[in-house]
Amino acid sequence: MATGSPISAHSHHPLAALLSALLPGLGHAIRRRPEQAATTFVITAALLGCAWGIGSLTGRGAAIFFLMLLVLPWWAFQSYDAFLPHAPAQAGLARFGCTLKVVWSRAHDVRYLGALFLLTAFTDLYIIIANPDYALTIFCTKPAGLWGGLAKAQSPTLHTLIGYGFMRLRRWSLLLYLAYAAFGFLNATANYACFGYGRVRTVFLLTLAAFTAYVLWRRQCFDAIEVGIPRL
């Protein structure tokens, strides 16, 4: 483990991480951290309850967005917390604070964004295969034929490249993402001007702006080798 880490080393615990990934809090329980196990389980249950409530009130799309924005990051975070070495003086929320410092210093938040890109690449590919007649709107038009196929293929291709680069904290992936975000913003703005207000279009623009702002804020994380960020 890197010198100066907020959590002193005893041993990493892959089994605890796996168990917490299956049932939040279980990994903490087998590591004899009952307070953290209970806290983790309650927080997870509360987040899932919020997701269910949002889905009931506003629809499945909003619930999925909430799951990806908060529930999945928390799920990964608590599993990683169970994996990390444990210092006896750290307990409860203080322990989570130390783990958050590790996540931040090792750019695991950026890696999580990379995992989301890989996930969306898979879902994009599935949509294309399952709906061959689906046409992507590009600057107020829907290209057909070869150009239409290329327009659809660019999404899973770029998502895969960006996702891989973010997972590896490569600087080229930051530049590729910024180019992709600029194109997405211009395209969505043009479609907004042509077709007017749309909830999906509006959410996409706002999400893209927030996502890009966060990536720019964390731009110093790229390249891991250059800035000396440890992997785990």
Protein backbone atom coordinates (compact mmCIF):
# COMPACT_ATOMS: atom_id res chain seq x y z
CA MET A 1 0.00 0.00 0.00
CA ALA A 2 1.22 3.50 -0.78
CA THR A 3 2.99 5.41 1.98
CA GLY A 4 0.88 8.09 3.61
CA SER A 5 -2.47 6.45 2.83
CA PRO A 6 -5.28 7.58 5.15
CA ILE A 7 -5.84 3.94 6.18
CA SER A 8 -3.00 2.06 7.86
CA ALA A 9 -2.22 -1.37 6.50
CA HIS A 10 -3.21 -4.69 8.02
CA SER A 11 -4.48 -6.71 5.09
CA HIS A 12 -6.79 -6.37 2.14
CA HIS A 13 -9.82 -8.63 2.17
CA PRO A 14 -11.15 -9.61 -1.30
CA LEU A 15 -13.74 -11.99 0.19
CA ALA A 16 -15.23 -9.19 2.28
CA ALA A 17 -15.46 -7.02 -0.83
CA LEU A 18 -17.23 -9.80 -2.73
CA LEU A 19 -19.69 -10.43 0.09
CA SER A 20 -20.45 -6.72 0.41
CA ALA A 21 -21.00 -6.55 -3.34
CA LEU A 22 -23.61 -9.31 -2.96
CA LEU A 23 -25.20 -7.92 0.21
CA PRO A 24 -24.07 -4.49 1.47
CA GLY A 25 -22.74 -4.72 5.01
CA LEU A 26 -22.03 -8.45 4.93
CA GLY A 27 -18.33 -7.96 4.25
CA HIS A 28 -18.06 -5.57 7.17
CA ALA A 29 -19.83 -8.09 9.38
CA ILE A 30 -17.33 -10.88 8.67
CA ARG A 31 -14.53 -8.42 9.43
CA ARG A 32 -16.13 -7.82 12.84
CA ARG A 33 -17.30 -4.29 12.19
CA PRO A 34 -20.93 -4.54 13.32
CA GLU A 35 -21.48 -0.77 13.50
CA GLN A 36 -20.33 -0.28 9.92
CA ALA A 37 -22.27 -3.31 8.75
CA ALA A 38 -25.49 -1.92 10.20
CA THR A 39 -24.82 1.59 8.89
CA THR A 40 -24.02 0.28 5.42
CA PHE A 41 -27.15 -1.84 5.27
CA VAL A 42 -29.41 1.01 6.43
CA ILE A 43 -27.94 3.50 3.94
CA THR A 44 -28.30 0.99 1.10
CA ALA A 45 -31.89 0.21 2.03
CA ALA A 46 -32.69 3.94 2.20
CA LEU A 47 -31.18 4.58 -1.24
CA LEU A 48 -33.06 1.66 -2.77
CA GLY A 49 -36.24 2.93 -1.15
CA CYS A 50 -35.64 6.37 -2.67
CA ALA A 51 -35.08 4.78 -6.08
CA TRP A 52 -38.35 2.88 -5.78
CA GLY A 53 -40.17 6.05 -4.72
CA ILE A 54 -38.72 8.07 -7.59
CA GLY A 55 -39.69 5.33 -10.03
CA SER A 56 -43.24 5.25 -8.69
CA LEU A 57 -43.63 9.03 -8.93
CA THR A 58 -41.78 9.94 -12.11
CA GLY A 59 -41.19 6.74 -14.06
CA ARG A 60 -38.56 4.09 -14.64
CA GLY A 61 -36.13 6.39 -16.47
CA ALA A 62 -35.68 8.68 -13.47
CA ALA A 63 -35.24 5.69 -11.17
CA ILE A 64 -32.52 4.23 -13.40
CA PHE A 65 -30.78 7.62 -13.47
CA PHE A 66 -30.88 7.76 -9.65
CA LEU A 67 -29.53 4.21 -9.43
CA MET A 68 -26.57 5.03 -11.67
CA LEU A 69 -25.92 8.41 -10.04
CA LEU A 70 -26.09 7.43 -6.37
CA VAL A 71 -26.95 3.80 -5.66
CA LEU A 72 -24.29 2.12 -7.80
CA PRO A 73 -21.47 4.44 -6.63
CA TRP A 74 -22.46 3.80 -3.02
CA TRP A 75 -22.65 0.05 -3.66
CA ALA A 76 -19.13 0.06 -5.12
CA PHE A 77 -17.87 2.37 -2.36
CA GLN A 78 -19.05 0.21 0.53
CA SER A 79 -17.65 -2.91 -1.13
CA TYR A 80 -14.29 -1.18 -1.54
CA ASP A 81 -14.44 -0.06 2.09
CA ALA A 82 -14.86 -3.69 3.16
CA PHE A 83 -11.85 -4.60 1.02
CA LEU A 84 -9.45 -2.03 2.47
CA PRO A 85 -7.25 -2.65 5.53
CA HIS A 86 -8.82 -1.73 8.84
CA ALA A 87 -7.37 0.47 11.57
CA PRO A 88 -8.91 -0.19 15.02
CA ALA A 89 -9.26 3.53 15.73
CA GLN A 90 -11.50 4.00 12.70
CA ALA A 91 -15.16 3.17 13.01
CA GLY A 92 -18.56 4.22 11.72
CA LEU A 93 -18.80 7.32 9.57
CA ALA A 94 -15.19 8.28 10.38
CA ARG A 95 -14.08 5.11 8.63
CA PHE A 96 -16.16 6.00 5.57
CA GLY A 97 -14.48 9.40 5.54
CA CYS A 98 -11.05 7.78 5.42
CA THR A 99 -12.15 5.47 2.62
CA LEU A 100 -13.49 8.46 0.70
CA LYS A 101 -10.04 10.05 0.91
CA VAL A 102 -8.52 6.88 -0.54
CA VAL A 103 -11.08 6.82 -3.35
CA TRP A 104 -10.37 10.46 -4.13
CA SER A 105 -6.57 10.20 -3.98
CA ARG A 106 -6.55 7.11 -6.20
CA ALA A 107 -9.07 8.52 -8.69
CA HIS A 108 -11.50 5.64 -8.29
CA ASP A 109 -14.32 8.10 -8.95
CA VAL A 110 -12.92 8.63 -12.45
CA ARG A 111 -12.58 4.89 -12.89
CA TYR A 112 -16.23 4.52 -11.91
CA LEU A 113 -17.16 6.96 -14.67
CA GLY A 114 -15.15 4.78 -17.03
CA ALA A 115 -17.14 1.75 -15.91
CA LEU A 116 -20.35 3.67 -16.65
CA PHE A 117 -19.11 4.40 -20.16
CA LEU A 118 -18.41 0.70 -20.70
CA LEU A 119 -21.89 -0.13 -19.41
CA THR A 120 -23.51 2.38 -21.76
CA ALA A 121 -21.44 0.99 -24.65
CA PHE A 122 -22.99 -2.41 -23.99
CA THR A 123 -26.52 -1.00 -23.72
CA ASP A 124 -26.05 1.09 -26.88
CA LEU A 125 -24.90 -1.98 -28.79
CA TYR A 126 -27.88 -3.95 -27.51
CA ILE A 127 -30.30 -1.21 -28.61
CA ILE A 128 -28.74 -1.11 -32.08
CA ILE A 129 -28.94 -4.88 -32.51
CA ALA A 130 -32.42 -5.22 -31.01
CA ASN A 131 -33.81 -2.28 -33.02
CA PRO A 132 -32.16 -2.33 -36.47
CA ASP A 133 -34.59 0.31 -37.77
CA TYR A 134 -33.64 2.77 -35.03
CA ALA A 135 -32.14 5.96 -36.48
CA LEU A 136 -29.97 8.36 -34.50
CA THR A 137 -30.81 12.04 -34.91
CA ILE A 138 -27.73 14.00 -35.99
CA PHE A 139 -28.14 17.77 -36.32
CA CYS A 140 -31.89 17.55 -36.98
CA THR A 141 -31.57 14.73 -39.52
CA LYS A 142 -31.70 10.95 -39.34
CA PRO A 143 -29.07 9.52 -41.68
CA ALA A 144 -29.95 6.25 -43.40
CA GLY A 145 -27.94 3.56 -45.11
CA LEU A 146 -24.19 3.46 -44.58
CA TRP A 147 -24.04 6.87 -42.92
CA GLY A 148 -26.85 5.91 -40.59
CA GLY A 149 -25.02 2.75 -39.59
CA LEU A 150 -21.82 4.68 -38.95
CA ALA A 151 -23.72 7.27 -36.93
CA LYS A 152 -25.12 4.55 -34.69
CA ALA A 153 -21.81 2.70 -34.43
CA GLN A 154 -19.92 5.74 -33.17
CA SER A 155 -21.74 5.71 -29.84
CA PRO A 156 -20.73 2.25 -28.53
CA THR A 157 -17.29 2.63 -30.12
CA LEU A 158 -16.50 5.95 -28.46
CA HIS A 159 -18.05 4.85 -25.18
CA THR A 160 -15.80 1.79 -25.16
CA LEU A 161 -12.67 3.81 -25.89
CA ILE A 162 -13.49 6.49 -23.34
CA GLY A 163 -14.47 3.91 -20.74
CA TYR A 164 -11.23 1.99 -21.17
CA GLY A 165 -9.17 5.18 -21.05
CA PHE A 166 -10.93 6.42 -17.92
CA MET A 167 -10.42 3.07 -16.23
CA ARG A 168 -6.69 3.35 -17.00
CA LEU A 169 -6.60 7.13 -16.34
CA ARG A 170 -5.09 7.85 -19.75
CA ARG A 171 -4.78 11.44 -20.87
CA TRP A 172 -5.87 10.66 -24.43
CA SER A 173 -9.23 9.51 -23.08
CA LEU A 174 -9.76 12.92 -21.47
CA LEU A 175 -9.14 14.63 -24.81
CA LEU A 176 -11.37 12.12 -26.60
CA TYR A 177 -14.13 12.67 -24.06
CA LEU A 178 -13.93 16.47 -24.41
CA ALA A 179 -14.24 16.17 -28.20
CA TYR A 180 -17.14 13.74 -27.77
CA ALA A 181 -18.83 16.05 -25.24
CA ALA A 182 -18.44 19.06 -27.53
CA PHE A 183 -20.05 17.15 -30.39
CA GLY A 184 -22.83 15.90 -28.11
CA PHE A 185 -23.55 19.38 -26.81
CA LEU A 186 -23.66 20.93 -30.29
CA ASN A 187 -25.81 18.11 -31.64
CA ALA A 188 -28.26 18.26 -28.73
CA THR A 189 -28.47 22.06 -28.98
CA ALA A 190 -29.20 21.86 -32.71
CA ASN A 191 -31.88 19.23 -32.15
CA TYR A 192 -33.31 21.37 -29.37
CA ALA A 193 -33.58 24.30 -31.80
CA CYS A 194 -35.21 22.12 -34.47
CA PHE A 195 -37.64 20.10 -32.39
CA GLY A 196 -38.16 22.27 -29.32
CA TYR A 197 -38.35 21.22 -25.70
CA GLY A 198 -38.13 17.56 -24.82
CA ARG A 199 -37.63 16.08 -21.38
CA VAL A 200 -35.04 13.54 -22.51
CA ARG A 201 -33.19 16.17 -24.54
CA THR A 202 -33.17 18.61 -21.63
CA VAL A 203 -31.99 16.02 -19.11
CA PHE A 204 -29.24 14.97 -21.53
CA LEU A 205 -27.97 18.54 -21.91
CA LEU A 206 -27.97 19.19 -18.16
CA THR A 207 -26.34 15.86 -17.40
CA LEU A 208 -23.69 16.36 -20.07
CA ALA A 209 -22.84 19.80 -18.71
CA ALA A 210 -22.55 18.53 -15.12
CA PHE A 211 -20.61 15.44 -16.17
CA THR A 212 -18.15 17.47 -18.24
CA ALA A 213 -17.66 19.99 -15.44
CA TYR A 214 -16.79 17.16 -13.05
CA VAL A 215 -14.37 15.55 -15.50
CA LEU A 216 -12.62 18.89 -16.03
CA TRP A 217 -12.42 19.37 -12.27
CA ARG A 218 -10.70 15.97 -11.97
CA ARG A 219 -8.54 16.38 -15.06
CA GLN A 220 -5.32 16.15 -13.02
CA CYS A 221 -6.02 12.43 -12.48
CA PHE A 222 -5.04 11.68 -16.08
CA ASP A 223 -2.41 10.04 -16.67
CA ALA A 224 -1.95 7.80 -13.60
CA ILE A 225 1.68 7.02 -14.39
CA GLU A 226 2.56 10.68 -14.78
CA VAL A 227 0.90 11.86 -11.56
CA GLY A 228 1.82 8.77 -9.56
CA ILE A 229 -1.66 7.56 -8.61
CA PRO A 230 -1.63 3.99 -7.21
CA ARG A 231 -4.09 1.51 -8.68
CA LEU A 232 -5.81 0.12 -5.59
